[in-house]
Amino acid sequence: MFIVCRDTPVLGLRRGYSEVDDAVVTLATTRIDRTGLAIRAALAQAAPEECAQFEVDFQQAVARASQTFDLAPLDATLERWWGIAVIRANPLSKHEHAQLARAKASLGDQGVIVVS
C-alpha cells in the first residue's frame, strides 16, 4: 500500500518492490474550521461551482434537524463538505501528482490512499 501524505515524509514501499520514493513534502496548508461559515467561505474561494451544492445540502440538513431535533444529519453534512473544502483549498503540487501517478502505475488504484 502506498500512502501520500502532506507535510510529512512520504515513503512508498511494498513487498517485492525495491524502489523507494522518499521525499519530504513541505507545503503550506490552508486550515479550515469545521463550521458551515468556514466551509462555505473556503468553497466560495476555491471551488465556487461546488459552493451552491454545499448550500443546498446544508439547508436541507438544517431543515431536517429542526424537524427531528437530531443534529446527526447536519454533522454528517458538515463532515463530508469539510473534507471536500480542505481538498479544494489545498490542491496537490506537481511533485505530489507525480508521486501519485507513479504509485497508481505500480500498484493500481486499489493500492493508493491519498491523505490530505
PDB file of N, CA and C in Angstrom:
ATOM      1  N   MET A   1       0.845  -1.172   0.000  1.00  0.00           N
ATOM      2  CA  MET A   1       0.000   0.000   0.000  1.00  0.00           C
ATOM      3  C   MET A   1       0.888   1.231   0.000  1.00  0.00           C
ATOM      4  N   PHE A   2       0.544   2.228  -0.740  1.00  0.00           N
ATOM      5  CA  PHE A   2       1.293   3.473  -0.853  1.00  0.00           C
ATOM      6  C   PHE A   2       0.423   4.586  -0.297  1.00  0.00           C
ATOM      7  N   ILE A   3       0.942   5.374   0.614  1.00  0.00           N
ATOM      8  CA  ILE A   3       0.168   6.455   1.209  1.00  0.00           C
ATOM      9  C   ILE A   3       0.846   7.772   0.888  1.00  0.00           C
ATOM     10  N   VAL A   4       0.101   8.689   0.302  1.00  0.00           N
ATOM     11  CA  VAL A   4       0.611  10.022   0.009  1.00  0.00           C
ATOM     12  C   VAL A   4       0.120  10.940   1.108  1.00  0.00           C
ATOM     13  N   CYS A   5       1.028  11.482   1.898  1.00  0.00           N
ATOM     14  CA  CYS A   5       0.675  12.360   2.999  1.00  0.00           C
ATOM     15  C   CYS A   5       1.188  13.757   2.714  1.00  0.00           C
ATOM     16  N   ARG A   6       0.579  14.738   3.307  1.00  0.00           N
ATOM     17  CA  ARG A   6       1.029  16.103   3.149  1.00  0.00           C
ATOM     18  C   ARG A   6       1.807  16.503   4.384  1.00  0.00           C
ATOM     19  N   ASP A   7       2.862  17.281   4.202  1.00  0.00           N
ATOM     20  CA  ASP A   7       3.682  17.826   5.278  1.00  0.00           C
ATOM     21  C   ASP A   7       4.377  16.760   6.109  1.00  0.00           C
ATOM     22  N   THR A   8       4.622  15.593   5.535  1.00  0.00           N
ATOM     23  CA  THR A   8       5.314  14.527   6.248  1.00  0.00           C
ATOM     24  C   THR A   8       6.220  13.803   5.267  1.00  0.00           C
ATOM     25  N   PRO A   9       7.210  13.082   5.772  1.00  0.00           N
ATOM     26  CA  PRO A   9       7.994  12.255   4.855  1.00  0.00           C
ATOM     27  C   PRO A   9       7.087  11.247   4.164  1.00  0.00           C
ATOM     28  N   VAL A  10       7.330  11.015   2.905  1.00  0.00           N
ATOM     29  CA  VAL A  10       6.499  10.102   2.120  1.00  0.00           C
ATOM     30  C   VAL A  10       7.382   8.945   1.680  1.00  0.00           C
ATOM     31  N   LEU A  11       7.000   7.748   2.046  1.00  0.00           N
ATOM     32  CA  LEU A  11       7.732   6.554   1.645  1.00  0.00           C
ATOM     33  C   LEU A  11       6.806   5.643   0.868  1.00  0.00           C
ATOM     34  N   GLY A  12       7.288   5.115  -0.233  1.00  0.00           N
ATOM     35  CA  GLY A  12       6.489   4.164  -0.994  1.00  0.00           C
ATOM     36  C   GLY A  12       7.168   2.817  -0.995  1.00  0.00           C
ATOM     37  N   LEU A  13       6.678   1.896  -0.260  1.00  0.00           N
ATOM     38  CA  LEU A  13       7.253   0.559  -0.170  1.00  0.00           C
ATOM     39  C   LEU A  13       6.155  -0.471  -0.351  1.00  0.00           C
ATOM     40  N   ARG A  14       6.500  -1.567  -0.976  1.00  0.00           N
ATOM     41  CA  ARG A  14       5.589  -2.701  -0.959  1.00  0.00           C
ATOM     42  C   ARG A  14       6.422  -3.958  -1.095  1.00  0.00           C
ATOM     43  N   ARG A  15       5.908  -5.053  -0.642  1.00  0.00           N
ATOM     44  CA  ARG A  15       6.626  -6.318  -0.677  1.00  0.00           C
ATOM     45  C   ARG A  15       7.074  -6.650  -2.092  1.00  0.00           C
ATOM     46  N   GLY A  16       8.336  -7.021  -2.243  1.00  0.00           N
ATOM     47  CA  GLY A  16       8.848  -7.408  -3.542  1.00  0.00           C
ATOM     48  C   GLY A  16       9.158  -6.242  -4.457  1.00  0.00           C
ATOM     49  N   TYR A  17       9.100  -5.046  -3.950  1.00  0.00           N
ATOM     50  CA  TYR A  17       9.336  -3.853  -4.759  1.00  0.00           C
ATOM     51  C   TYR A  17      10.529  -3.133  -4.176  1.00  0.00           C
ATOM     52  N   SER A  18      11.572  -2.939  -4.963  1.00  0.00           N
ATOM     53  CA  SER A  18      12.824  -2.433  -4.416  1.00  0.00           C
ATOM     54  C   SER A  18      12.958  -0.925  -4.477  1.00  0.00           C
ATOM     55  N   GLU A  19      12.212  -0.251  -5.320  1.00  0.00           N
ATOM     56  CA  GLU A  19      12.351   1.196  -5.429  1.00  0.00           C
ATOM     57  C   GLU A  19      11.604   1.876  -4.290  1.00  0.00           C
ATOM     58  N   VAL A  20      12.194   2.952  -3.793  1.00  0.00           N
ATOM     59  CA  VAL A  20      11.582   3.724  -2.722  1.00  0.00           C
ATOM     60  C   VAL A  20      11.491   5.165  -3.178  1.00  0.00           C
ATOM     61  N   ASP A  21      10.325   5.746  -3.050  1.00  0.00           N
ATOM     62  CA  ASP A  21      10.153   7.165  -3.331  1.00  0.00           C
ATOM     63  C   ASP A  21      10.161   7.875  -1.996  1.00  0.00           C
ATOM     64  N   ASP A  22      11.264   8.467  -1.641  1.00  0.00           N
ATOM     65  CA  ASP A  22      11.452   9.082  -0.334  1.00  0.00           C
ATOM     66  C   ASP A  22      11.573  10.587  -0.529  1.00  0.00           C
ATOM     67  N   ALA A  23      10.523  11.314  -0.209  1.00  0.00           N
ATOM     68  CA  ALA A  23      10.546  12.760  -0.387  1.00  0.00           C
ATOM     69  C   ALA A  23       9.818  13.411   0.773  1.00  0.00           C
ATOM     70  N   VAL A  24      10.308  14.539   1.199  1.00  0.00           N
ATOM     71  CA  VAL A  24       9.618  15.305   2.224  1.00  0.00           C
ATOM     72  C   VAL A  24       8.810  16.374   1.514  1.00  0.00           C
ATOM     73  N   VAL A  25       7.528  16.359   1.768  1.00  0.00           N
ATOM     74  CA  VAL A  25       6.630  17.334   1.161  1.00  0.00           C
ATOM     75  C   VAL A  25       6.396  18.427   2.181  1.00  0.00           C
ATOM     76  N   THR A  26       6.797  19.637   1.872  1.00  0.00           N
ATOM     77  CA  THR A  26       6.638  20.739   2.818  1.00  0.00           C
ATOM     78  C   THR A  26       5.837  21.849   2.147  1.00  0.00           C
ATOM     79  N   LEU A  27       4.573  21.689   2.143  1.00  0.00           N
ATOM     80  CA  LEU A  27       3.667  22.682   1.577  1.00  0.00           C
ATOM     81  C   LEU A  27       2.882  23.350   2.689  1.00  0.00           C
ATOM     82  N   ALA A  28       2.609  24.600   2.510  1.00  0.00           N
ATOM     83  CA  ALA A  28       1.713  25.276   3.445  1.00  0.00           C
ATOM     84  C   ALA A  28       0.296  24.786   3.156  1.00  0.00           C
ATOM     85  N   THR A  29      -0.433  24.450   4.204  1.00  0.00           N
ATOM     86  CA  THR A  29      -1.806  24.005   4.011  1.00  0.00           C
ATOM     87  C   THR A  29      -2.760  25.041   4.594  1.00  0.00           C
ATOM     88  N   THR A  30      -3.877  25.173   3.941  1.00  0.00           N
ATOM     89  CA  THR A  30      -4.910  26.090   4.401  1.00  0.00           C
ATOM     90  C   THR A  30      -5.792  25.351   5.389  1.00  0.00           C
ATOM     91  N   ARG A  31      -5.859  25.859   6.608  1.00  0.00           N
ATOM     92  CA  ARG A  31      -6.692  25.246   7.648  1.00  0.00           C
ATOM     93  C   ARG A  31      -8.110  25.773   7.514  1.00  0.00           C
ATOM     94  N   ILE A  32      -9.072  24.870   7.603  1.00  0.00           N
ATOM     95  CA  ILE A  32     -10.484  25.252   7.502  1.00  0.00           C
ATOM     96  C   ILE A  32     -11.208  24.697   8.712  1.00  0.00           C
ATOM     97  N   ASP A  33     -11.876  25.566   9.446  1.00  0.00           N
ATOM     98  CA  ASP A  33     -12.663  25.121  10.597  1.00  0.00           C
ATOM     99  C   ASP A  33     -13.853  24.297  10.125  1.00  0.00           C
ATOM    100  N   ARG A  34     -14.347  23.425  10.985  1.00  0.00           N
ATOM    101  CA  ARG A  34     -15.493  22.577  10.645  1.00  0.00           C
ATOM    102  C   ARG A  34     -16.792  23.280  11.016  1.00  0.00           C
ATOM    103  N   THR A  35     -16.997  24.435  10.409  1.00  0.00           N
ATOM    104  CA  THR A  35     -18.238  25.184  10.594  1.00  0.00           C
ATOM    105  C   THR A  35     -18.831  25.466   9.224  1.00  0.00           C
ATOM    106  N   GLY A  36     -20.129  25.649   9.189  1.00  0.00           N
ATOM    107  CA  GLY A  36     -20.777  25.972   7.933  1.00  0.00           C
ATOM    108  C   GLY A  36     -20.214  27.224   7.296  1.00  0.00           C
ATOM    109  N   LEU A  37     -19.973  28.239   8.108  1.00  0.00           N
ATOM    110  CA  LEU A  37     -19.446  29.504   7.601  1.00  0.00           C
ATOM    111  C   LEU A  37     -18.058  29.331   6.981  1.00  0.00           C
ATOM    112  N   ALA A  38     -17.175  28.613   7.674  1.00  0.00           N
ATOM    113  CA  ALA A  38     -15.811  28.424   7.175  1.00  0.00           C
ATOM    114  C   ALA A  38     -15.788  27.546   5.923  1.00  0.00           C
ATOM    115  N   ILE A  39     -16.591  26.506   5.918  1.00  0.00           N
ATOM    116  CA  ILE A  39     -16.654  25.615   4.753  1.00  0.00           C
ATOM    117  C   ILE A  39     -17.193  26.363   3.547  1.00  0.00           C
ATOM    118  N   ARG A  40     -18.235  27.138   3.755  1.00  0.00           N
ATOM    119  CA  ARG A  40     -18.825  27.917   2.656  1.00  0.00           C
ATOM    120  C   ARG A  40     -17.822  28.919   2.109  1.00  0.00           C
ATOM    121  N   ALA A  41     -17.102  29.605   2.979  1.00  0.00           N
ATOM    122  CA  ALA A  41     -16.109  30.593   2.533  1.00  0.00           C
ATOM    123  C   ALA A  41     -14.990  29.923   1.735  1.00  0.00           C
ATOM    124  N   ALA A  42     -14.527  28.771   2.207  1.00  0.00           N
ATOM    125  CA  ALA A  42     -13.451  28.065   1.506  1.00  0.00           C
ATOM    126  C   ALA A  42     -13.911  27.588   0.135  1.00  0.00           C
ATOM    127  N   LEU A  43     -15.128  27.036   0.074  1.00  0.00           N
ATOM    128  CA  LEU A  43     -15.642  26.572  -1.212  1.00  0.00           C
ATOM    129  C   LEU A  43     -15.898  27.734  -2.162  1.00  0.00           C
ATOM    130  N   ALA A  44     -16.396  28.845  -1.644  1.00  0.00           N
ATOM    131  CA  ALA A  44     -16.655  30.013  -2.496  1.00  0.00           C
ATOM    132  C   ALA A  44     -15.368  30.496  -3.145  1.00  0.00           C
ATOM    133  N   GLN A  45     -14.269  30.395  -2.426  1.00  0.00           N
ATOM    134  CA  GLN A  45     -12.995  30.857  -2.961  1.00  0.00           C
ATOM    135  C   GLN A  45     -12.328  29.799  -3.853  1.00  0.00           C
ATOM    136  N   ALA A  46     -12.302  28.552  -3.409  1.00  0.00           N
ATOM    137  CA  ALA A  46     -11.537  27.523  -4.111  1.00  0.00           C
ATOM    138  C   ALA A  46     -12.348  26.737  -5.139  1.00  0.00           C
ATOM    139  N   ALA A  47     -13.656  26.623  -4.923  1.00  0.00           N
ATOM    140  CA  ALA A  47     -14.497  25.809  -5.811  1.00  0.00           C
ATOM    141  C   ALA A  47     -15.909  26.377  -5.856  1.00  0.00           C
ATOM    142  N   PRO A  48     -16.073  27.545  -6.470  1.00  0.00           N
ATOM    143  CA  PRO A  48     -17.394  28.201  -6.478  1.00  0.00           C
ATOM    144  C   PRO A  48     -18.515  27.329  -7.041  1.00  0.00           C
ATOM    145  N   GLU A  49     -18.167  26.452  -7.988  1.00  0.00           N
ATOM    146  CA  GLU A  49     -19.187  25.593  -8.585  1.00  0.00           C
ATOM    147  C   GLU A  49     -19.745  24.586  -7.587  1.00  0.00           C
ATOM    148  N   GLU A  50     -18.980  24.249  -6.557  1.00  0.00           N
ATOM    149  CA  GLU A  50     -19.448  23.309  -5.540  1.00  0.00           C
ATOM    150  C   GLU A  50     -20.096  24.014  -4.358  1.00  0.00           C
ATOM    151  N   CYS A  51     -19.874  25.301  -4.221  1.00  0.00           N
ATOM    152  CA  CYS A  51     -20.418  26.058  -3.097  1.00  0.00           C
ATOM    153  C   CYS A  51     -21.951  26.016  -3.089  1.00  0.00           C
ATOM    154  N   ALA A  52     -22.542  26.146  -4.252  1.00  0.00           N
ATOM    155  CA  ALA A  52     -24.009  26.132  -4.342  1.00  0.00           C
ATOM    156  C   ALA A  52     -24.583  24.801  -3.858  1.00  0.00           C
ATOM    157  N   GLN A  53     -23.928  23.698  -4.208  1.00  0.00           N
ATOM    158  CA  GLN A  53     -24.418  22.389  -3.757  1.00  0.00           C
ATOM    159  C   GLN A  53     -24.244  22.240  -2.253  1.00  0.00           C
ATOM    160  N   PHE A  54     -23.150  22.766  -1.704  1.00  0.00           N
ATOM    161  CA  PHE A  54     -22.971  22.741  -0.249  1.00  0.00           C
ATOM    162  C   PHE A  54     -24.117  23.495   0.425  1.00  0.00           C
ATOM    163  N   GLU A  55     -24.459  24.669  -0.101  1.00  0.00           N
ATOM    164  CA  GLU A  55     -25.536  25.469   0.488  1.00  0.00           C
ATOM    165  C   GLU A  55     -26.851  24.701   0.493  1.00  0.00           C
ATOM    166  N   VAL A  56     -27.159  24.019  -0.607  1.00  0.00           N
ATOM    167  CA  VAL A  56     -28.392  23.220  -0.686  1.00  0.00           C
ATOM    168  C   VAL A  56     -28.358  22.094   0.348  1.00  0.00           C
ATOM    169  N   ASP A  57     -27.247  21.349   0.388  1.00  0.00           N
ATOM    170  CA  ASP A  57     -27.124  20.236   1.334  1.00  0.00           C
ATOM    171  C   ASP A  57     -27.209  20.729   2.771  1.00  0.00           C
ATOM    172  N   PHE A  58     -26.557  21.844   3.061  1.00  0.00           N
ATOM    173  CA  PHE A  58     -26.551  22.402   4.408  1.00  0.00           C
ATOM    174  C   PHE A  58     -27.963  22.816   4.824  1.00  0.00           C
ATOM    175  N   GLN A  59     -28.666  23.531   3.950  1.00  0.00           N
ATOM    176  CA  GLN A  59     -30.028  23.976   4.260  1.00  0.00           C
ATOM    177  C   GLN A  59     -30.969  22.787   4.473  1.00  0.00           C
ATOM    178  N   GLN A  60     -30.815  21.742   3.668  1.00  0.00           N
ATOM    179  CA  GLN A  60     -31.643  20.545   3.852  1.00  0.00           C
ATOM    180  C   GLN A  60     -31.361  19.881   5.194  1.00  0.00           C
ATOM    181  N   ALA A  61     -30.085  19.830   5.575  1.00  0.00           N
ATOM    182  CA  ALA A  61     -29.717  19.216   6.856  1.00  0.00           C
ATOM    183  C   ALA A  61     -30.233  20.047   8.024  1.00  0.00           C
ATOM    184  N   VAL A  62     -30.197  21.370   7.904  1.00  0.00           N
ATOM    185  CA  VAL A  62     -30.723  22.248   8.958  1.00  0.00           C
ATOM    186  C   VAL A  62     -32.233  22.056   9.083  1.00  0.00           C
ATOM    187  N   ALA A  63     -32.920  21.988   7.951  1.00  0.00           N
ATOM    188  CA  ALA A  63     -34.378  21.784   7.973  1.00  0.00           C
ATOM    189  C   ALA A  63     -34.734  20.443   8.617  1.00  0.00           C
ATOM    190  N   ARG A  64     -33.989  19.414   8.263  1.00  0.00           N
ATOM    191  CA  ARG A  64     -34.226  18.092   8.845  1.00  0.00           C
ATOM    192  C   ARG A  64     -33.975  18.131  10.353  1.00  0.00           C
ATOM    193  N   ALA A  65     -32.907  18.786  10.764  1.00  0.00           N
ATOM    194  CA  ALA A  65     -32.583  18.885  12.196  1.00  0.00           C
ATOM    195  C   ALA A  65     -33.658  19.665  12.948  1.00  0.00           C
ATOM    196  N   SER A  66     -34.205  20.697  12.325  1.00  0.00           N
ATOM    197  CA  SER A  66     -35.240  21.484  13.011  1.00  0.00           C
ATOM    198  C   SER A  66     -36.533  20.695  13.180  1.00  0.00           C
ATOM    199  N   GLN A  67     -36.770  19.735  12.309  1.00  0.00           N
ATOM    200  CA  GLN A  67     -37.971  18.902  12.414  1.00  0.00           C
ATOM    201  C   GLN A  67     -37.789  17.732  13.376  1.00  0.00           C
ATOM    202  N   THR A  68     -36.586  17.167  13.391  1.00  0.00           N
ATOM    203  CA  THR A  68     -36.368  15.946  14.167  1.00  0.00           C
ATOM    204  C   THR A  68     -35.600  16.173  15.468  1.00  0.00           C
ATOM    205  N   PHE A  69     -35.020  17.357  15.623  1.00  0.00           N
ATOM    206  CA  PHE A  69     -34.155  17.673  16.769  1.00  0.00           C
ATOM    207  C   PHE A  69     -32.945  16.741  16.842  1.00  0.00           C
ATOM    208  N   ASP A  70     -32.571  16.202  15.702  1.00  0.00           N
ATOM    209  CA  ASP A  70     -31.403  15.325  15.593  1.00  0.00           C
ATOM    210  C   ASP A  70     -30.358  16.048  14.757  1.00  0.00           C
ATOM    211  N   LEU A  71     -29.206  16.308  15.348  1.00  0.00           N
ATOM    212  CA  LEU A  71     -28.149  17.031  14.650  1.00  0.00           C
ATOM    213  C   LEU A  71     -27.220  16.121  13.846  1.00  0.00           C
ATOM    214  N   ALA A  72     -27.418  14.814  13.924  1.00  0.00           N
ATOM    215  CA  ALA A  72     -26.532  13.881  13.218  1.00  0.00           C
ATOM    216  C   ALA A  72     -26.469  14.153  11.709  1.00  0.00           C
ATOM    217  N   PRO A  73     -27.601  14.385  11.021  1.00  0.00           N
ATOM    218  CA  PRO A  73     -27.506  14.674   9.586  1.00  0.00           C
ATOM    219  C   PRO A  73     -26.734  15.963   9.295  1.00  0.00           C
ATOM    220  N   LEU A  74     -26.876  16.956  10.150  1.00  0.00           N
ATOM    221  CA  LEU A  74     -26.132  18.200   9.963  1.00  0.00           C
ATOM    222  C   LEU A  74     -24.643  17.960  10.181  1.00  0.00           C
ATOM    223  N   ASP A  75     -24.302  17.207  11.218  1.00  0.00           N
ATOM    224  CA  ASP A  75     -22.897  16.872  11.466  1.00  0.00           C
ATOM    225  C   ASP A  75     -22.304  16.101  10.283  1.00  0.00           C
ATOM    226  N   ALA A  76     -23.062  15.158   9.740  1.00  0.00           N
ATOM    227  CA  ALA A  76     -22.580  14.368   8.604  1.00  0.00           C
ATOM    228  C   ALA A  76     -22.368  15.248   7.373  1.00  0.00           C
ATOM    229  N   THR A  77     -23.271  16.194   7.160  1.00  0.00           N
ATOM    230  CA  THR A  77     -23.135  17.120   6.028  1.00  0.00           C
ATOM    231  C   THR A  77     -21.891  17.979   6.193  1.00  0.00           C
ATOM    232  N   LEU A  78     -21.691  18.516   7.389  1.00  0.00           N
ATOM    233  CA  LEU A  78     -20.502  19.333   7.638  1.00  0.00           C
ATOM    234  C   LEU A  78     -19.227  18.513   7.478  1.00  0.00           C
ATOM    235  N   GLU A  79     -19.217  17.292   7.976  1.00  0.00           N
ATOM    236  CA  GLU A  79     -18.039  16.437   7.871  1.00  0.00           C
ATOM    237  C   GLU A  79     -17.707  16.140   6.408  1.00  0.00           C
ATOM    238  N   ARG A  80     -18.712  15.792   5.644  1.00  0.00           N
ATOM    239  CA  ARG A  80     -18.495  15.478   4.220  1.00  0.00           C
ATOM    240  C   ARG A  80     -17.943  16.678   3.476  1.00  0.00           C
ATOM    241  N   TRP A  81     -18.590  17.830   3.634  1.00  0.00           N
ATOM    242  CA  TRP A  81     -18.187  19.016   2.895  1.00  0.00           C
ATOM    243  C   TRP A  81     -16.897  19.629   3.433  1.00  0.00           C
ATOM    244  N   TRP A  82     -16.595  19.427   4.705  1.00  0.00           N
ATOM    245  CA  TRP A  82     -15.321  19.912   5.237  1.00  0.00           C
ATOM    246  C   TRP A  82     -14.171  19.212   4.513  1.00  0.00           C
ATOM    247  N   GLY A  83     -14.292  17.901   4.333  1.00  0.00           N
ATOM    248  CA  GLY A  83     -13.253  17.157   3.614  1.00  0.00           C
ATOM    249  C   GLY A  83     -13.072  17.652   2.198  1.00  0.00           C
ATOM    250  N   ILE A  84     -14.170  17.915   1.527  1.00  0.00           N
ATOM    251  CA  ILE A  84     -14.111  18.436   0.157  1.00  0.00           C
ATOM    252  C   ILE A  84     -13.465  19.818   0.152  1.00  0.00           C
ATOM    253  N   ALA A  85     -13.859  20.674   1.084  1.00  0.00           N
ATOM    254  CA  ALA A  85     -13.300  22.036   1.144  1.00  0.00           C
ATOM    255  C   ALA A  85     -11.796  22.010   1.400  1.00  0.00           C
ATOM    256  N   VAL A  86     -11.342  21.142   2.291  1.00  0.00           N
ATOM    257  CA  VAL A  86      -9.912  21.040   2.582  1.00  0.00           C
ATOM    258  C   VAL A  86      -9.143  20.597   1.336  1.00  0.00           C
ATOM    259  N   ILE A  87      -9.678  19.623   0.634  1.00  0.00           N
ATOM    260  CA  ILE A  87      -9.018  19.143  -0.590  1.00  0.00           C
ATOM    261  C   ILE A  87      -8.980  20.245  -1.645  1.00  0.00           C
ATOM    262  N   ARG A  88     -10.080  20.950  -1.824  1.00  0.00           N
ATOM    263  CA  ARG A  88     -10.126  22.015  -2.837  1.00  0.00           C
ATOM    264  C   ARG A  88      -9.205  23.183  -2.472  1.00  0.00           C
ATOM    265  N   ALA A  89      -9.099  23.488  -1.196  1.00  0.00           N
ATOM    266  CA  ALA A  89      -8.269  24.611  -0.762  1.00  0.00           C
ATOM    267  C   ALA A  89      -6.784  24.265  -0.738  1.00  0.00           C
ATOM    268  N   ASN A  90      -6.458  22.975  -0.786  1.00  0.00           N
ATOM    269  CA  ASN A  90      -5.073  22.509  -0.721  1.00  0.00           C
ATOM    270  C   ASN A  90      -4.801  21.513  -1.845  1.00  0.00           C
ATOM    271  N   PRO A  91      -4.812  21.971  -3.083  1.00  0.00           N
ATOM    272  CA  PRO A  91      -4.602  21.032  -4.187  1.00  0.00           C
ATOM    273  C   PRO A  91      -3.195  20.438  -4.142  1.00  0.00           C
ATOM    274  N   LEU A  92      -3.053  19.267  -4.724  1.00  0.00           N
ATOM    275  CA  LEU A  92      -1.756  18.608  -4.778  1.00  0.00           C
ATOM    276  C   LEU A  92      -0.781  19.404  -5.640  1.00  0.00           C
ATOM    277  N   SER A  93       0.487  19.387  -5.249  1.00  0.00           N
ATOM    278  CA  SER A  93       1.538  20.025  -6.035  1.00  0.00           C
ATOM    279  C   SER A  93       1.883  19.138  -7.233  1.00  0.00           C
ATOM    280  N   LYS A  94       2.694  19.660  -8.154  1.00  0.00           N
ATOM    281  CA  LYS A  94       3.141  18.854  -9.296  1.00  0.00           C
ATOM    282  C   LYS A  94       3.906  17.630  -8.812  1.00  0.00           C
ATOM    283  N   HIS A  95       4.741  17.819  -7.795  1.00  0.00           N
ATOM    284  CA  HIS A  95       5.513  16.702  -7.243  1.00  0.00           C
ATOM    285  C   HIS A  95       4.579  15.638  -6.665  1.00  0.00           C
ATOM    286  N   GLU A  96       3.550  16.061  -5.942  1.00  0.00           N
ATOM    287  CA  GLU A  96       2.603  15.111  -5.362  1.00  0.00           C
ATOM    288  C   GLU A  96       1.809  14.386  -6.446  1.00  0.00           C
ATOM    289  N   HIS A  97       1.422  15.119  -7.514  1.00  0.00           N
ATOM    290  CA  HIS A  97       0.727  14.466  -8.628  1.00  0.00           C
ATOM    291  C   HIS A  97       1.627  13.413  -9.275  1.00  0.00           C
ATOM    292  N   ALA A  98       2.915  13.726  -9.406  1.00  0.00           N
ATOM    293  CA  ALA A  98       3.860  12.773  -9.987  1.00  0.00           C
ATOM    294  C   ALA A  98       3.995  11.543  -9.091  1.00  0.00           C
ATOM    295  N   GLN A  99       4.085  11.747  -7.783  1.00  0.00           N
ATOM    296  CA  GLN A  99       4.154  10.616  -6.846  1.00  0.00           C
ATOM    297  C   GLN A  99       2.916   9.745  -6.964  1.00  0.00           C
ATOM    298  N   LEU A 100       1.766  10.376  -7.013  1.00  0.00           N
ATOM    299  CA  LEU A 100       0.510   9.648  -7.106  1.00  0.00           C
ATOM    300  C   LEU A 100       0.434   8.854  -8.402  1.00  0.00           C
ATOM    301  N   ALA A 101       0.867   9.470  -9.508  1.00  0.00           N
ATOM    302  CA  ALA A 101       0.852   8.776 -10.795  1.00  0.00           C
ATOM    303  C   ALA A 101       1.777   7.560 -10.772  1.00  0.00           C
ATOM    304  N   ARG A 102       2.957   7.709 -10.162  1.00  0.00           N
ATOM    305  CA  ARG A 102       3.876   6.579 -10.061  1.00  0.00           C
ATOM    306  C   ARG A 102       3.277   5.468  -9.200  1.00  0.00           C
ATOM    307  N   ALA A 103       2.648   5.840  -8.113  1.00  0.00           N
ATOM    308  CA  ALA A 103       2.041   4.836  -7.231  1.00  0.00           C
ATOM    309  C   ALA A 103       0.914   4.109  -7.946  1.00  0.00           C
ATOM    310  N   LYS A 104       0.078   4.855  -8.654  1.00  0.00           N
ATOM    311  CA  LYS A 104      -1.026   4.224  -9.382  1.00  0.00           C
ATOM    312  C   LYS A 104      -0.502   3.288 -10.462  1.00  0.00           C
ATOM    313  N   ALA A 105       0.562   3.714 -11.144  1.00  0.00           N
ATOM    314  CA  ALA A 105       1.123   2.891 -12.208  1.00  0.00           C
ATOM    315  C   ALA A 105       1.711   1.593 -11.656  1.00  0.00           C
ATOM    316  N   SER A 106       2.328   1.671 -10.491  1.00  0.00           N
ATOM    317  CA  SER A 106       2.978   0.476  -9.956  1.00  0.00           C
ATOM    318  C   SER A 106       2.047  -0.408  -9.132  1.00  0.00           C
ATOM    319  N   LEU A 107       1.057   0.179  -8.486  1.00  0.00           N
ATOM    320  CA  LEU A 107       0.192  -0.585  -7.587  1.00  0.00           C
ATOM    321  C   LEU A 107      -1.242  -0.727  -8.066  1.00  0.00           C
ATOM    322  N   GLY A 108      -1.652   0.112  -8.955  1.00  0.00           N
ATOM    323  CA  GLY A 108      -3.054   0.152  -9.339  1.00  0.00           C
ATOM    324  C   GLY A 108      -3.829   1.036  -8.381  1.00  0.00           C
ATOM    325  N   ASP A 109      -4.965   1.533  -8.786  1.00  0.00           N
ATOM    326  CA  ASP A 109      -5.753   2.463  -7.980  1.00  0.00           C
ATOM    327  C   ASP A 109      -6.173   1.894  -6.634  1.00  0.00           C
ATOM    328  N   GLN A 110      -6.377   0.577  -6.522  1.00  0.00           N
ATOM    329  CA  GLN A 110      -6.845  -0.009  -5.273  1.00  0.00           C
ATOM    330  C   GLN A 110      -5.791   0.071  -4.164  1.00  0.00           C
ATOM    331  N   GLY A 111      -4.507   0.194  -4.535  1.00  0.00           N
ATOM    332  CA  GLY A 111      -3.449   0.204  -3.542  1.00  0.00           C
ATOM    333  C   GLY A 111      -2.996   1.592  -3.150  1.00  0.00           C
ATOM    334  N   VAL A 112      -3.733   2.638  -3.530  1.00  0.00           N
ATOM    335  CA  VAL A 112      -3.305   4.013  -3.259  1.00  0.00           C
ATOM    336  C   VAL A 112      -4.349   4.709  -2.413  1.00  0.00           C
ATOM    337  N   ILE A 113      -3.886   5.308  -1.323  1.00  0.00           N
ATOM    338  CA  ILE A 113      -4.739   6.128  -0.465  1.00  0.00           C
ATOM    339  C   ILE A 113      -4.134   7.515  -0.433  1.00  0.00           C
ATOM    340  N   VAL A 114      -4.933   8.547  -0.644  1.00  0.00           N
ATOM    341  CA  VAL A 114      -4.439   9.916  -0.570  1.00  0.00           C
ATOM    342  C   VAL A 114      -4.958  10.520   0.720  1.00  0.00           C
ATOM    343  N   VAL A 115      -4.045  10.976   1.562  1.00  0.00           N
ATOM    344  CA  VAL A 115      -4.388  11.590   2.843  1.00  0.00           C
ATOM    345  C   VAL A 115      -3.981  13.049   2.764  1.00  0.00           C
ATOM    346  N   SER A 116      -4.939  13.935   2.921  1.00  0.00           N
ATOM    347  CA  SER A 116      -4.620  15.366   2.862  1.00  0.00           C
ATOM    348  C   SER A 116      -4.497  15.945   4.234  1.00  0.00           C
TER     349      SER A 116
END
